Amino acid sequence: MPANSSAEHAAMNKSAGTSNPPGHEALEAAIEAAIEPWLAHMYWRDDFKQWRERRLRQEDYQATNLKDVKTALGDEVRGKTVLDLGSGMGGLSVALLRDYAAQGLHLQAMDYNKDYCRIAILRARRYGIQLPIIAAAGEHLPYRSGIFDLVICLDVLEHVADAPAVLREMYRVLRPGGHVLTTVPNRHAFRDPHYHLPLINWLPRGLAERIVERTGRTKTGGLLQDRQGLSDLNTYTWGQFEQLARSIGYRLHDQVFERLRRGEVRLLTGMRKRLLSLLSRTPLLRLMYRAYRYGWQGTFQIKLDKPR
């Protein structure tokens, strides 16, 4: 998931408190030891040290995702049910339970990687939380139909074996009127969000793969190997994904554009923010954003609705 700012990180830490329970150091050592082997495939990152820290304290970098979840669920979360499909190392699941379990939110976490599930359980122990999590595949969700108010599926669809099947399964387990929060890598992204190289998504896949290898950015050398190669990733243009989602029955909303219209872009300040405010009142904002979304945006951030 996209990292949030250090200011958000500090605020989350403050809200979580600073006291350490007995066994804290041993638990932190266990978390670090469990996570470390899964980071080796990204040693090439210039910001590896900061990226590693975000993995170790993943739950503290979820402010934007938490806001999206709260907006999707509405003001009253009591009794609402959430599935975190592809919960990874548990950052968002733990952040949600840390903030909303006392308000009556029911959450089920799920990931295909059993080691990730173990890491998520350790992460939850930092806060005395017992995280309900299972290892399963998104193509065959082990849940009854129509039982979740919200399904979260972030940084997942590009790695699954059958993305349309996962989308259909999420639709099945949603209640009428429920929502999916998901991300989808842009096939036309100027800079690939996984390998951080410009223009490789516009090249023939064979040539692009050779460039990835020559620059030393392959996923070899780490444990994370399944469906990680550039040619293995499921990527879509906006039009392709919109057509797929609508064929299943979803209504689709662009989360990034909605934030732009509301002026909620945390990286913009001063004159740029005032300019955005002016553009939001004109048709130019939509036209400029569509151009950006077509050939620049790395990852689409999408809300899918299941009609009532």
Protein backbone atom coordinates (compact mmCIF):
# COMPACT_ATOMS: atom_id res chain seq x y z
CA MET A 1 0.00 0.00 0.00
CA PRO A 2 1.15 3.57 -0.61
CA ALA A 3 2.99 4.88 2.46
CA ASN A 4 1.58 7.79 4.39
CA SER A 5 3.61 10.72 5.64
CA SER A 6 5.96 10.74 8.63
CA ALA A 7 3.59 13.26 10.25
CA GLU A 8 0.78 10.72 10.01
CA HIS A 9 3.15 8.08 11.41
CA ALA A 10 3.92 10.25 14.45
CA ALA A 11 0.25 10.99 15.03
CA MET A 12 -0.62 7.30 14.90
CA ASN A 13 2.17 6.47 17.33
CA LYS A 14 0.95 9.13 19.74
CA SER A 15 -2.60 7.83 19.63
CA ALA A 16 -1.40 4.28 20.25
CA GLY A 17 0.40 5.19 23.44
CA THR A 18 4.02 4.65 24.38
CA SER A 19 4.00 2.14 27.24
CA ASN A 20 5.64 -1.22 26.55
CA PRO A 21 4.10 -4.41 27.98
CA PRO A 22 6.20 -7.22 29.49
CA GLY A 23 8.04 -9.16 26.80
CA HIS A 24 8.03 -6.15 24.47
CA GLU A 25 11.67 -6.48 23.39
CA ALA A 26 11.33 -10.19 22.71
CA LEU A 27 8.18 -9.59 20.66
CA GLU A 28 9.83 -6.82 18.63
CA ALA A 29 12.80 -9.09 17.94
CA ALA A 30 10.45 -11.86 16.81
CA ILE A 31 8.58 -9.49 14.46
CA GLU A 32 11.81 -8.21 12.94
CA ALA A 33 13.19 -11.72 12.49
CA ALA A 34 9.97 -12.86 10.80
CA ILE A 35 9.81 -9.89 8.41
CA GLU A 36 13.49 -9.56 7.46
CA PRO A 37 13.70 -12.53 5.04
CA TRP A 38 10.80 -11.09 3.02
CA LEU A 39 12.60 -7.82 2.29
CA ALA A 40 15.64 -9.10 0.39
CA HIS A 41 13.97 -8.83 -3.03
CA MET A 42 13.87 -5.02 -2.65
CA TYR A 43 17.48 -4.27 -1.65
CA TRP A 44 17.86 -2.26 -4.86
CA ARG A 45 15.56 0.52 -3.59
CA ASP A 46 17.32 3.82 -2.90
CA ASP A 47 15.01 4.30 0.08
CA PHE A 48 15.37 0.74 1.36
CA LYS A 49 16.05 1.80 4.96
CA GLN A 50 12.87 3.88 5.13
CA TRP A 51 10.89 1.24 3.23
CA ARG A 52 12.06 -1.42 5.68
CA GLU A 53 10.92 0.73 8.61
CA ARG A 54 7.49 1.08 7.02
CA ARG A 55 7.26 -2.70 6.82
CA LEU A 56 8.27 -3.16 10.46
CA ARG A 57 5.72 -0.53 11.63
CA GLN A 58 3.22 -0.99 8.84
CA GLU A 59 0.19 -0.33 11.04
CA ASP A 60 1.42 3.21 11.68
CA TYR A 61 1.28 4.22 8.00
CA GLN A 62 -2.40 3.61 7.32
CA ALA A 63 -4.04 7.01 7.81
CA THR A 64 -5.28 7.38 4.21
CA ASN A 65 -6.52 3.78 4.08
CA LEU A 66 -8.25 4.15 7.45
CA LYS A 67 -10.03 7.25 6.20
CA ASP A 68 -11.18 5.43 3.06
CA VAL A 69 -12.50 2.54 5.16
CA LYS A 70 -14.33 4.88 7.52
CA THR A 71 -15.90 6.72 4.57
CA ALA A 72 -17.01 3.44 2.99
CA LEU A 73 -18.51 2.10 6.22
CA GLY A 74 -20.21 5.34 7.27
CA ASP A 75 -20.42 6.97 10.68
CA GLU A 76 -21.68 3.86 12.47
CA VAL A 77 -19.23 0.95 12.35
CA ARG A 78 -20.86 -1.14 15.08
CA GLY A 79 -21.83 -4.52 13.72
CA LYS A 80 -20.21 -3.90 10.34
CA THR A 81 -18.18 -6.78 8.87
CA VAL A 82 -14.94 -6.29 6.92
CA LEU A 83 -12.80 -8.76 4.98
CA ASP A 84 -9.15 -7.76 4.43
CA LEU A 85 -8.40 -9.97 1.42
CA GLY A 86 -4.68 -10.23 0.83
CA SER A 87 -3.92 -8.66 4.19
CA GLY A 88 -0.18 -9.22 3.74
CA MET A 89 1.83 -8.56 6.89
CA GLY A 90 -1.27 -7.27 8.65
CA GLY A 91 -0.64 -3.54 8.76
CA LEU A 92 -4.13 -2.35 7.82
CA SER A 93 -5.96 -5.14 9.67
CA VAL A 94 -4.12 -4.36 12.89
CA ALA A 95 -4.66 -0.61 12.45
CA LEU A 96 -8.39 -1.18 11.94
CA LEU A 97 -8.76 -3.36 15.02
CA ARG A 98 -6.61 -1.00 17.06
CA ASP A 99 -8.92 1.89 16.17
CA TYR A 100 -12.36 0.32 15.74
CA ALA A 101 -12.62 -3.04 17.53
CA ALA A 102 -13.92 -1.29 20.66
CA GLN A 103 -16.61 0.33 18.49
CA GLY A 104 -17.94 -3.06 17.43
CA LEU A 105 -16.25 -3.56 14.06
CA HIS A 106 -15.90 -7.21 13.00
CA LEU A 107 -12.88 -7.97 10.83
CA GLN A 108 -11.60 -11.09 9.12
CA ALA A 109 -8.09 -11.04 7.63
CA MET A 110 -6.95 -13.44 4.94
CA ASP A 111 -3.77 -13.99 2.93
CA TYR A 112 -2.45 -16.66 0.60
CA ASN A 113 1.00 -16.54 2.24
CA LYS A 114 1.06 -18.48 5.52
CA ASP A 115 4.21 -16.72 6.68
CA TYR A 116 2.52 -13.36 6.19
CA CYS A 117 -0.34 -14.62 8.35
CA ARG A 118 2.12 -15.46 11.14
CA ILE A 119 3.71 -12.01 10.86
CA ALA A 120 0.27 -10.37 11.08
CA ILE A 121 -0.52 -12.33 14.25
CA LEU A 122 2.77 -11.18 15.82
CA ARG A 123 2.05 -7.59 14.78
CA ALA A 124 -1.36 -7.72 16.46
CA ARG A 125 0.24 -8.89 19.72
CA ARG A 126 1.94 -5.49 20.01
CA TYR A 127 -1.47 -4.17 21.07
CA GLY A 128 -2.86 -7.20 22.86
CA ILE A 129 -5.08 -7.94 19.85
CA GLN A 130 -6.02 -11.42 18.69
CA LEU A 131 -6.24 -11.11 14.91
CA PRO A 132 -8.67 -13.49 13.17
CA ILE A 133 -6.74 -14.52 10.06
CA ILE A 134 -6.68 -17.51 7.73
CA ALA A 135 -4.57 -18.60 4.76
CA ALA A 136 -6.69 -18.97 1.63
CA ALA A 137 -6.88 -18.00 -2.04
CA GLY A 138 -8.99 -15.11 -3.29
CA GLU A 139 -10.31 -17.17 -6.21
CA HIS A 140 -12.17 -19.43 -3.76
CA LEU A 141 -13.20 -17.45 -0.68
CA PRO A 142 -14.23 -19.75 2.19
CA TYR A 143 -17.22 -17.60 3.19
CA ARG A 144 -20.96 -17.63 2.68
CA SER A 145 -22.48 -15.26 0.16
CA GLY A 146 -23.57 -11.79 1.20
CA ILE A 147 -21.95 -11.54 4.66
CA PHE A 148 -19.48 -8.62 4.36
CA ASP A 149 -20.20 -4.91 4.31
CA LEU A 150 -16.74 -4.13 2.97
CA VAL A 151 -13.94 -6.07 1.27
CA ILE A 152 -10.46 -4.53 1.23
CA CYS A 153 -8.15 -5.80 -1.53
CA LEU A 154 -5.09 -3.54 -1.75
CA ASP A 155 -1.98 -4.37 -3.78
CA VAL A 156 -3.38 -7.83 -4.45
CA LEU A 157 -5.09 -8.15 -7.84
CA GLU A 158 -1.85 -7.80 -9.81
CA HIS A 159 -0.44 -10.92 -8.09
CA VAL A 160 -3.36 -13.36 -8.21
CA ALA A 161 -3.67 -16.19 -10.71
CA ASP A 162 -7.16 -15.16 -11.87
CA ALA A 163 -8.12 -11.54 -11.21
CA PRO A 164 -11.66 -11.77 -12.70
CA ALA A 165 -12.37 -14.78 -10.45
CA VAL A 166 -11.25 -12.82 -7.37
CA LEU A 167 -13.48 -9.90 -8.36
CA ARG A 168 -16.44 -12.26 -8.79
CA GLU A 169 -15.78 -13.88 -5.42
CA MET A 170 -15.63 -10.49 -3.69
CA TYR A 171 -18.94 -9.58 -5.33
CA ARG A 172 -20.47 -12.84 -4.08
CA VAL A 173 -19.50 -12.39 -0.43
CA LEU A 174 -20.60 -8.72 -0.34
CA ARG A 175 -23.98 -7.75 0.98
CA PRO A 176 -26.16 -5.74 -1.42
CA GLY A 177 -25.03 -2.15 -0.98
CA GLY A 178 -21.55 -3.29 0.11
CA HIS A 179 -18.24 -1.98 -1.17
CA VAL A 180 -14.79 -3.10 -2.28
CA LEU A 181 -11.71 -0.91 -1.81
CA THR A 182 -9.04 -2.05 -4.25
CA THR A 183 -5.97 -1.00 -6.21
CA VAL A 184 -5.01 -1.87 -9.78
CA PRO A 185 -1.65 -1.13 -11.47
CA ASN A 186 -1.98 1.00 -14.60
CA ARG A 187 -0.83 -0.78 -17.78
CA HIS A 188 0.16 2.65 -19.15
CA ALA A 189 1.94 3.92 -16.04
CA PHE A 190 4.91 6.15 -16.87
CA ARG A 191 6.86 4.66 -13.94
CA ASP A 192 6.13 1.06 -13.07
CA PRO A 193 5.01 0.89 -9.40
CA HIS A 194 6.76 -2.45 -8.74
CA TYR A 195 10.14 -1.93 -10.38
CA HIS A 196 10.22 1.89 -10.32
CA LEU A 197 11.49 2.13 -13.90
CA PRO A 198 10.11 4.65 -16.41
CA LEU A 199 8.38 3.60 -19.64
CA ILE A 200 8.90 -0.16 -19.27
CA ASN A 201 5.11 -0.70 -19.36
CA TRP A 202 5.10 0.75 -22.88
CA LEU A 203 7.75 -1.67 -24.14
CA PRO A 204 7.33 -5.25 -25.42
CA ARG A 205 7.39 -7.46 -22.34
CA GLY A 206 10.49 -9.40 -23.44
CA LEU A 207 12.53 -6.22 -23.82
CA ALA A 208 11.13 -4.80 -20.58
CA GLU A 209 12.08 -7.95 -18.69
CA ARG A 210 15.67 -7.69 -19.97
CA ILE A 211 15.85 -4.07 -18.79
CA VAL A 212 14.59 -5.07 -15.36
CA GLU A 213 17.30 -7.75 -15.17
CA ARG A 214 20.08 -5.45 -16.44
CA THR A 215 19.22 -2.82 -13.83
CA GLY A 216 19.38 -5.42 -11.04
CA ARG A 217 15.74 -5.00 -10.06
CA THR A 218 14.52 -8.54 -10.44
CA LYS A 219 12.80 -10.22 -7.51
CA THR A 220 15.49 -12.90 -7.25
CA GLY A 221 17.38 -13.15 -3.98
CA GLY A 222 14.31 -13.03 -1.76
CA LEU A 223 11.54 -15.36 -0.67
CA LEU A 224 8.79 -13.49 -2.53
CA GLN A 225 8.85 -15.22 -5.92
CA ASP A 226 5.32 -16.24 -6.97
CA ARG A 227 3.82 -14.05 -9.74
CA GLN A 228 6.26 -11.21 -9.15
CA GLY A 229 7.84 -10.95 -12.60
CA LEU A 230 6.75 -8.06 -14.80
CA SER A 231 5.13 -10.40 -17.33
CA ASP A 232 3.26 -12.22 -14.56
CA LEU A 233 1.59 -9.12 -13.12
CA ASN A 234 -2.06 -8.38 -13.90
CA THR A 235 -2.17 -4.79 -15.14
CA TYR A 236 -5.06 -2.93 -16.76
CA THR A 237 -5.83 0.30 -18.50
CA TRP A 238 -8.63 2.22 -16.79
CA GLY A 239 -11.02 1.29 -19.59
CA GLN A 240 -10.15 -2.41 -19.41
CA PHE A 241 -10.70 -2.61 -15.67
CA GLU A 242 -13.88 -0.54 -15.82
CA GLN A 243 -15.31 -2.89 -18.44
CA LEU A 244 -14.37 -5.95 -16.35
CA ALA A 245 -15.83 -4.55 -13.13
CA ARG A 246 -19.09 -3.50 -14.79
CA SER A 247 -19.46 -6.92 -16.47
CA ILE A 248 -19.50 -8.50 -13.00
CA GLY A 249 -22.11 -6.02 -11.75
CA TYR A 250 -20.07 -3.43 -9.87
CA ARG A 251 -20.43 0.31 -9.96
CA LEU A 252 -17.00 1.89 -10.10
CA HIS A 253 -15.62 5.06 -8.49
CA ASP A 254 -12.16 6.62 -8.86
CA GLN A 255 -10.98 7.35 -5.31
CA VAL A 256 -8.14 9.63 -6.42
CA PHE A 257 -10.42 11.84 -8.50
CA GLU A 258 -12.91 12.07 -5.64
CA ARG A 259 -10.12 13.27 -3.33
CA LEU A 260 -9.06 15.83 -5.93
CA ARG A 261 -12.59 17.18 -6.19
CA ARG A 262 -12.71 17.56 -2.41
CA GLY A 263 -9.26 19.18 -2.33
CA GLU A 264 -7.88 16.33 -0.21
CA VAL A 265 -4.38 16.02 -1.68
CA ARG A 266 -1.96 15.95 1.24
CA LEU A 267 1.17 16.64 -0.83
CA LEU A 268 -0.16 19.89 -2.30
CA THR A 269 0.28 23.15 -0.42
CA GLY A 270 0.21 26.88 -1.07
CA MET A 271 -0.35 28.02 -4.67
CA ARG A 272 -0.74 24.46 -6.01
CA LYS A 273 -3.51 23.72 -3.53
CA ARG A 274 -5.27 27.00 -4.38
CA LEU A 275 -4.96 26.18 -8.08
CA LEU A 276 -6.49 22.76 -7.47
CA SER A 277 -9.36 24.41 -5.60
CA LEU A 278 -10.03 26.68 -8.59
CA LEU A 279 -9.77 23.81 -11.10
CA SER A 280 -12.18 21.68 -9.06
CA ARG A 281 -14.95 24.13 -9.99
CA THR A 282 -14.36 23.71 -13.74
CA PRO A 283 -14.50 20.89 -16.34
CA LEU A 284 -10.72 21.29 -16.76
CA LEU A 285 -10.04 19.22 -13.64
CA ARG A 286 -11.67 16.12 -15.11
CA LEU A 287 -9.91 16.55 -18.47
CA MET A 288 -6.49 17.06 -16.88
CA TYR A 289 -7.00 14.16 -14.50
CA ARG A 290 -8.01 11.78 -17.29
CA ALA A 291 -4.80 12.60 -19.16
CA TYR A 292 -2.82 11.99 -15.96
CA ARG A 293 -4.67 8.73 -15.30
CA TYR A 294 -4.10 7.45 -18.83
CA GLY A 295 -0.35 7.76 -19.14
CA TRP A 296 1.19 8.68 -15.80
CA GLN A 297 -0.65 7.36 -12.74
CA GLY A 298 1.05 4.26 -11.36
CA THR A 299 -1.84 2.63 -9.53
CA PHE A 300 -5.58 3.17 -9.74
CA GLN A 301 -7.32 3.45 -6.36
CA ILE A 302 -10.89 2.30 -6.78
CA LYS A 303 -14.10 1.81 -4.84
CA LEU A 304 -16.47 -0.80 -6.25
CA ASP A 305 -20.12 -0.84 -5.14
CA LYS A 306 -22.50 -3.77 -5.23
CA PRO A 307 -25.98 -2.37 -6.02
CA ARG A 308 -28.75 -2.97 -3.55
